[in-house]
Protein backbone atom coordinates (compact mmCIF):
# COMPACT_ATOMS: atom_id res chain seq x y z
CA MET A 1 0.00 0.00 0.00
CA MET A 2 1.29 3.46 -0.84
CA TRP A 3 0.15 6.85 0.33
CA ASP A 4 0.72 10.36 -0.96
CA ARG A 5 0.43 13.87 0.31
CA LEU A 6 -0.88 15.56 -2.77
CA ALA A 7 -0.82 19.21 -3.67
CA PRO A 8 -3.42 20.62 -6.04
CA GLY A 9 -2.05 20.70 -9.55
CA PRO A 10 -3.29 21.44 -13.05
CA ALA A 11 -5.48 18.82 -14.61
CA GLN A 12 -7.12 19.07 -18.02
CA ALA A 13 -10.41 17.41 -18.83
CA GLU A 14 -10.37 15.20 -21.89
CA VAL A 15 -12.10 16.98 -24.79
CA ARG A 16 -13.02 15.26 -28.01
CA GLN A 17 -12.40 17.54 -31.00
CA VAL A 18 -15.09 17.30 -33.68
CA SER A 19 -14.28 18.62 -37.13
CA PRO A 20 -16.90 21.19 -38.25
CA VAL A 21 -18.79 20.62 -41.48
CA ARG A 22 -17.11 22.63 -44.25
CA ALA A 23 -19.50 24.81 -46.26
CA ARG A 24 -18.84 26.07 -49.80
CA PHE A 25 -17.67 29.69 -50.07
CA PRO A 26 -16.93 31.85 -53.14
CA ALA A 27 -13.35 31.89 -54.35
CA GLY A 28 -11.26 34.30 -52.34
CA ALA A 29 -13.74 34.48 -49.47
CA VAL A 30 -12.47 33.94 -45.94
CA GLU A 31 -13.97 30.87 -44.31
CA PRO A 32 -15.13 31.56 -40.75
CA VAL A 33 -13.28 29.62 -38.10
CA ALA A 34 -15.54 27.48 -35.93
CA ALA A 35 -15.07 28.08 -32.22
CA SER A 36 -13.81 25.11 -30.23
CA PRO A 37 -16.26 23.84 -27.65
CA ALA A 38 -15.45 24.90 -24.10
CA PRO A 39 -13.93 22.07 -22.07
CA ALA A 40 -16.28 20.65 -19.48
CA PRO A 41 -15.24 21.23 -15.86
CA ARG A 42 -13.65 18.30 -14.11
CA ILE A 43 -16.17 17.20 -11.48
CA GLY A 44 -15.08 15.69 -8.18
CA LEU A 45 -17.20 13.69 -5.77
CA ALA A 46 -16.41 13.67 -2.03
CA LEU A 47 -18.23 10.84 -0.25
CA GLY A 48 -18.40 11.11 3.54
CA GLY A 49 -18.50 8.53 6.30
CA GLY A 50 -21.63 7.44 8.12
CA SER A 51 -21.76 3.62 8.31
CA ALA A 52 -25.09 2.19 7.02
CA ARG A 53 -26.23 5.63 5.90
CA GLY A 54 -23.60 5.34 3.17
CA TRP A 55 -25.96 3.22 1.07
CA SER A 56 -27.67 6.53 0.17
CA GLN A 57 -24.55 7.47 -1.80
CA ILE A 58 -25.39 4.73 -4.28
CA GLY A 59 -28.64 6.59 -5.06
CA VAL A 60 -26.79 9.89 -5.39
CA ILE A 61 -24.35 8.47 -7.94
CA GLU A 62 -27.15 6.83 -9.91
CA VAL A 63 -29.01 10.14 -10.28
CA LEU A 64 -25.83 11.96 -11.35
CA GLU A 65 -25.07 9.32 -13.98
CA GLU A 66 -28.65 9.38 -15.28
CA ALA A 67 -28.40 13.17 -15.62
CA GLY A 68 -25.20 12.89 -17.68
CA ILE A 69 -22.98 14.18 -14.87
CA HIS A 70 -19.97 11.87 -14.68
CA PRO A 71 -17.44 12.55 -11.90
CA ALA A 72 -13.82 12.28 -13.03
CA VAL A 73 -12.47 12.27 -9.45
CA VAL A 74 -13.78 10.43 -6.39
CA ALA A 75 -12.51 10.80 -2.82
CA GLY A 76 -14.07 8.63 -0.12
CA CYS A 77 -13.99 8.18 3.63
CA SER A 78 -15.10 5.05 5.51
CA ILE A 79 -18.35 3.77 3.90
CA GLY A 80 -17.89 6.56 1.34
CA ALA A 81 -14.59 4.97 0.37
CA VAL A 82 -16.34 1.62 -0.17
CA VAL A 83 -19.07 3.16 -2.37
CA GLY A 84 -16.59 5.43 -4.18
CA GLY A 85 -14.05 2.67 -4.72
CA CYS A 86 -16.65 0.32 -6.18
CA TYR A 87 -17.92 3.11 -8.44
CA ALA A 88 -14.40 3.99 -9.62
CA ALA A 89 -13.82 0.30 -10.35
CA GLY A 90 -17.05 0.02 -12.36
CA GLN A 91 -18.61 -2.33 -9.78
CA LEU A 92 -21.30 -0.13 -8.23
CA GLY A 93 -24.01 -2.48 -9.52
CA LEU A 94 -22.49 -5.40 -7.60
CA LEU A 95 -22.33 -3.33 -4.43
CA LYS A 96 -25.95 -2.27 -4.82
CA ALA A 97 -27.09 -5.86 -5.32
CA PHE A 98 -25.16 -6.90 -2.22
CA ALA A 99 -26.62 -4.05 -0.14
CA LEU A 100 -30.18 -4.83 -1.19
CA SER A 101 -29.71 -8.50 -0.32
CA LEU A 102 -28.85 -7.78 3.31
CA THR A 103 -31.23 -8.70 6.11
CA ARG A 104 -30.77 -8.40 9.86
CA ARG A 105 -29.70 -12.02 9.94
CA SER A 106 -27.27 -11.83 7.02
CA VAL A 107 -25.67 -8.70 8.51
CA MET A 108 -24.97 -10.66 11.69
CA GLY A 109 -23.55 -13.45 9.55
CA LEU A 110 -20.92 -11.06 8.17
CA LEU A 111 -19.68 -10.17 11.64
CA ASP A 112 -16.89 -12.40 12.93
CA LEU A 113 -16.87 -11.29 16.55
CA ARG A 114 -13.76 -11.28 18.71
CA LEU A 115 -12.38 -9.25 21.62
CA ARG A 116 -8.95 -7.95 20.65
CA SER A 117 -8.05 -4.63 18.98
CA GLY A 118 -11.53 -4.58 17.45
CA LEU A 119 -14.87 -6.15 18.23
CA ILE A 120 -15.16 -7.48 14.64
CA ALA A 121 -12.24 -9.20 12.89
CA GLY A 122 -13.46 -8.07 9.47
CA ASP A 123 -12.22 -11.15 7.59
CA ARG A 124 -15.63 -11.96 6.13
CA LEU A 125 -16.10 -8.42 4.85
CA ARG A 126 -12.58 -8.45 3.40
CA ARG A 127 -13.29 -11.68 1.52
CA ARG A 128 -16.51 -10.20 0.15
CA LEU A 129 -14.66 -7.12 -1.14
CA GLN A 130 -11.93 -9.28 -2.66
CA HIS A 131 -14.58 -11.39 -4.41
CA ASP A 132 -16.11 -8.29 -6.05
CA LEU A 133 -12.97 -6.21 -6.63
CA ALA A 134 -10.39 -8.98 -7.10
CA ASP A 135 -6.85 -7.59 -7.21
CA ARG A 136 -7.73 -4.10 -8.48
CA ARG A 137 -5.11 -1.42 -7.87
CA ILE A 138 -6.05 2.19 -7.31
CA GLU A 139 -3.72 3.55 -9.99
CA GLY A 140 -5.34 1.26 -12.60
CA LEU A 141 -8.94 2.40 -12.05
CA PRO A 142 -10.75 4.20 -14.90
CA ILE A 143 -11.75 7.01 -12.49
CA ARG A 144 -9.22 8.84 -10.30
CA PHE A 145 -9.76 7.65 -6.73
CA ALA A 146 -8.37 8.15 -3.23
CA SER A 147 -9.46 7.14 0.24
CA VAL A 148 -8.51 8.74 3.54
CA ALA A 149 -7.35 7.03 6.73
CA THR A 150 -5.81 8.03 10.07
CA ASP A 151 -2.34 7.05 11.27
CA LEU A 152 -2.87 5.47 14.70
CA GLU A 153 0.51 6.50 16.11
CA SER A 154 0.88 10.05 14.81
CA GLY A 155 -2.76 11.01 14.23
CA GLU A 156 -1.85 12.20 10.74
CA GLU A 157 -4.24 12.20 7.81
CA VAL A 158 -3.15 9.66 5.18
CA TRP A 159 -4.32 9.75 1.56
CA LEU A 160 -4.29 6.34 -0.12
CA THR A 161 -3.82 6.93 -3.85
CA ARG A 162 -1.91 3.83 -4.98
CA GLY A 163 -1.79 0.15 -4.18
CA CYS A 164 -4.37 -2.53 -3.42
CA LEU A 165 -7.89 -1.10 -3.57
CA VAL A 166 -9.36 -3.52 -1.02
CA GLU A 167 -6.70 -2.67 1.58
CA ALA A 168 -7.28 1.06 1.03
CA LEU A 169 -11.00 0.59 1.66
CA ARG A 170 -10.43 -1.52 4.79
CA ALA A 171 -8.08 1.08 6.23
CA SER A 172 -10.59 3.84 5.62
CA TYR A 173 -13.47 2.07 7.42
CA ALA A 174 -11.49 0.64 10.37
CA LEU A 175 -13.82 2.16 12.97
CA PRO A 176 -12.02 2.35 16.35
CA GLY A 177 -13.23 -0.33 18.76
CA ILE A 178 -15.24 -2.08 16.03
CA PHE A 179 -12.70 -3.07 13.36
CA PRO A 180 -8.98 -3.60 14.03
CA PRO A 181 -6.42 -1.20 12.53
CA VAL A 182 -5.03 -2.12 9.11
CA ARG A 183 -1.25 -2.31 8.70
CA CYS A 184 0.00 -0.66 5.49
CA ASP A 185 3.71 -0.19 4.80
CA GLY A 186 4.56 -0.25 8.48
CA ARG A 187 1.75 2.07 9.56
CA LEU A 188 -1.36 1.18 11.53
CA LEU A 189 -4.32 2.93 9.92
CA LEU A 190 -7.77 3.68 11.32
CA ASP A 191 -11.04 5.10 10.04
CA GLY A 192 -10.61 8.34 8.08
CA THR A 193 -13.58 9.99 9.81
CA LEU A 194 -11.26 10.80 12.71
CA VAL A 195 -9.49 13.42 10.59
CA ASN A 196 -11.47 14.16 7.40
CA PRO A 197 -15.05 12.78 7.40
CA VAL A 198 -16.05 14.47 4.10
CA PRO A 199 -12.84 14.62 2.00
CA VAL A 200 -13.46 17.72 -0.13
CA THR A 201 -9.78 18.69 0.20
CA ILE A 202 -8.67 15.44 -1.41
CA ALA A 203 -11.05 15.78 -4.36
CA ARG A 204 -9.65 19.25 -5.06
CA ALA A 205 -6.06 18.01 -4.72
CA LEU A 206 -6.77 15.30 -7.28
CA GLY A 207 -7.65 18.01 -9.82
CA ALA A 208 -11.41 18.57 -9.51
CA ASP A 209 -12.69 21.95 -10.73
CA LEU A 210 -16.08 21.52 -9.03
CA VAL A 211 -16.62 19.37 -5.96
CA ILE A 212 -19.94 17.78 -5.00
CA CYS A 213 -19.93 16.35 -1.50
CA VAL A 214 -22.35 13.94 0.16
CA ASN A 215 -22.60 14.61 3.89
CA LEU A 216 -24.29 11.70 5.67
CA ASN A 217 -24.50 13.41 9.07
CA GLY A 218 -25.85 16.84 8.17
CA ASP A 219 -29.47 15.92 8.90
CA PRO A 220 -30.01 16.36 12.67
CA ARG A 221 -31.86 13.67 14.60
CA PRO A 222 -35.44 14.42 15.61
CA GLY A 223 -35.57 16.35 18.86
CA MET A 224 -32.00 17.61 18.63
CA ARG A 225 -31.45 21.34 18.67
CA GLU A 226 -28.48 23.32 17.53
CA ALA A 227 -26.26 24.49 20.39
CA SER A 228 -24.27 27.69 20.10
CA PRO A 229 -20.50 27.29 20.55
CA ALA A 230 -20.49 29.92 23.33
CA ARG A 231 -23.07 28.00 25.34
CA VAL A 232 -21.25 24.71 24.88
CA THR A 233 -17.94 26.26 25.98
CA ALA A 234 -19.47 27.88 29.04
CA GLU A 235 -21.16 24.71 30.19
CA ALA A 236 -18.09 22.58 29.56
CA VAL A 237 -16.09 24.30 32.33
CA LEU A 238 -18.82 24.05 34.96
CA PRO A 239 -18.44 21.12 37.36
CA ALA A 240 -21.18 18.53 37.13
CA PRO A 241 -23.47 18.56 40.16
CA ARG A 242 -22.77 15.75 42.60
CA ARG A 243 -25.60 13.27 42.96
CA PRO A 244 -26.11 11.52 46.30
CA ARG A 245 -25.22 7.84 46.24
CA ARG A 246 -28.25 5.63 46.66
CA TRP A 247 -28.13 2.20 48.21
CA ILE A 248 -30.79 -0.25 47.05
CA LEU A 249 -31.50 -3.25 49.22
CA ARG A 250 -33.11 -6.33 47.63
CA ARG A 251 -34.00 -9.61 49.16
CA PRO A 252 -32.48 -12.70 47.52
CA GLY A 253 -34.37 -13.78 44.39
CA ALA A 254 -36.02 -10.40 43.89
CA ARG A 255 -36.17 -8.92 40.36
CA PRO A 256 -33.50 -6.35 39.51
CA ALA A 257 -34.45 -2.74 39.83
CA GLU A 258 -35.58 -0.74 36.81
CA PRO A 259 -32.80 0.98 34.84
CA GLU A 260 -31.91 4.33 36.32
CA ARG A 261 -33.77 7.15 34.66
CA ALA A 262 -32.81 10.79 34.28
CA ASN A 263 -35.58 13.28 33.55
CA GLY A 264 -37.90 10.39 32.79
CA LEU A 265 -35.64 8.83 30.12
CA ALA A 266 -33.90 5.45 30.43
CA THR A 267 -30.10 5.53 30.40
CA PRO A 268 -28.85 4.14 27.04
CA GLY A 269 -26.61 1.09 26.84
CA MET A 270 -22.86 1.08 26.25
CA ALA A 271 -23.07 0.37 22.49
CA ARG A 272 -25.55 3.17 21.93
CA VAL A 273 -23.44 5.62 23.94
CA MET A 274 -20.28 4.67 21.99
CA LEU A 275 -21.93 5.04 18.59
CA ASP A 276 -23.65 8.31 19.47
CA ALA A 277 -20.39 9.72 20.84
CA PHE A 278 -18.55 8.79 17.64
CA ASN A 279 -21.36 10.30 15.57
CA ILE A 280 -21.16 13.58 17.50
CA THR A 281 -17.38 13.70 17.07
CA GLN A 282 -17.68 13.00 13.36
CA ASP A 283 -20.31 15.71 12.94
CA ARG A 284 -18.16 18.32 14.69
CA ILE A 285 -15.05 17.45 12.68
CA SER A 286 -17.10 17.58 9.46
CA ARG A 287 -18.36 21.06 10.29
CA ALA A 288 -14.85 22.34 10.96
CA ARG A 289 -13.33 20.81 7.81
CA LEU A 290 -16.17 21.91 5.52
CA ALA A 291 -16.02 25.44 6.91
CA GLY A 292 -12.34 25.62 6.00
CA ASP A 293 -12.76 24.11 2.53
CA PRO A 294 -16.44 24.14 1.54
CA PRO A 295 -17.67 22.13 -1.45
CA ASP A 296 -19.27 23.79 -4.42
CA ILE A 297 -22.44 21.77 -3.73
CA ALA A 298 -23.37 19.74 -0.65
CA ILE A 299 -25.93 16.96 -0.91
CA VAL A 300 -27.41 16.08 2.49
CA PRO A 301 -29.86 13.14 2.39
CA ARG A 302 -32.56 13.07 5.07
CA LEU A 303 -31.07 10.21 7.07
CA ALA A 304 -31.81 11.21 10.67
CA GLY A 305 -34.18 8.28 11.10
CA MET A 306 -31.65 5.69 9.88
CA GLY A 307 -29.33 4.09 12.43
CA LEU A 308 -25.61 3.87 11.82
CA PHE A 309 -25.65 0.07 11.81
CA GLU A 310 -28.97 -0.57 10.07
CA PHE A 311 -27.32 -1.98 6.96
CA HIS A 312 -30.44 -4.01 6.16
CA ARG A 313 -32.29 -0.78 5.23
CA ALA A 314 -30.37 -0.29 1.98
CA ALA A 315 -33.46 0.19 -0.21
CA GLU A 316 -34.66 3.05 1.97
CA GLY A 317 -31.20 4.63 2.10
CA ILE A 318 -30.73 4.46 -1.68
CA ALA A 319 -34.15 6.05 -2.21
CA LEU A 320 -33.30 8.91 0.17
CA GLY A 321 -30.03 9.46 -1.69
CA ARG A 322 -31.84 9.64 -5.03
CA GLU A 323 -34.33 12.13 -3.58
CA ALA A 324 -31.58 14.42 -2.28
CA ALA A 325 -29.61 14.23 -5.54
CA ARG A 326 -32.66 15.05 -7.66
CA ALA A 327 -33.32 18.13 -5.53
CA ALA A 328 -29.73 19.30 -6.10
CA LEU A 329 -29.67 18.71 -9.88
CA PRO A 330 -30.78 22.25 -10.95
CA GLN A 331 -28.01 23.82 -8.86
CA ILE A 332 -25.44 21.32 -10.12
CA ARG A 333 -26.33 21.97 -13.77
CA ALA A 334 -26.17 25.73 -13.23
CA LEU A 335 -22.70 25.55 -11.66
CA VAL A 336 -21.39 23.22 -14.36
CA ALA A 337 -22.66 25.58 -17.08
CA ALA A 338 -21.15 28.61 -15.35
CA ALA A 339 -17.80 26.86 -14.94
CA ALA A 340 -17.77 25.82 -18.61
CA ALA A 341 -18.53 29.41 -19.68
CA ARG A 342 -15.59 30.74 -17.68
CA THR A 343 -13.07 28.42 -19.34
């Protein structure tokens, strides 16, 4: 596996020159010169992380392709790397068929549980990717592609632009605590959402003139309200109020007490707390990165009602992705036309 730190550089879109039809003109007359068509802007697609919500990106790509908008550059993070890598390899149809075939039971069948550096070994998922993508290498794909991962030791952002495609995808979705880190050229790599959840910067560095991003975590959950940074900062430094310790006496054989409730709500379990905490972290990092390097167009499917690990709901996710992409098409066409007119 190889990685690069890329700097944006010039990249020309491929333009097919069509010879104009030659008309007959009187002898000595000057034939008008036909203007060359303006080169189309090079479109980049930045696909963000979001676990099962990533199936919606399949619907987004389908709508873009149906509208004649063909990305020349794809940058992906986590599940976005899986969708983007399969698309760049020409295997998006296989991925869609696999996603639609998933049920709750088959999802559990893909999980080889263990308790080491990750809860899931990931061997079954790796074999599935190898079956569909074989020995594809990133540099041999028909569409320019890169995935992003995080160096476990240094915390650095790593861009995977060459080498085995399957290993690049595994490194990008190695969610901490769930999947083990992936060793690539002496580095241990983790999920790219820790550093760049929606990799707009990478799509630009690969030569995209216009970048369309798909943010899987921009739709707030029902009941959540936006908190101002000032309020969050002020409350963060206040000590939490001490709660008196309560001793509960039960006679032998008695039923356990009800789960402790705060403000009438049951305390969530460990898995729910871990996933929600990771989701909050990912959302905050996404906001910061997108504020520093915003995309030209952001597509945000309405995915608040879809859980991060509800992979069996692929049909619903794909439909929500298509809906969001269709709503963005007028703006995308307008920006593409404006960019072509400027060149």
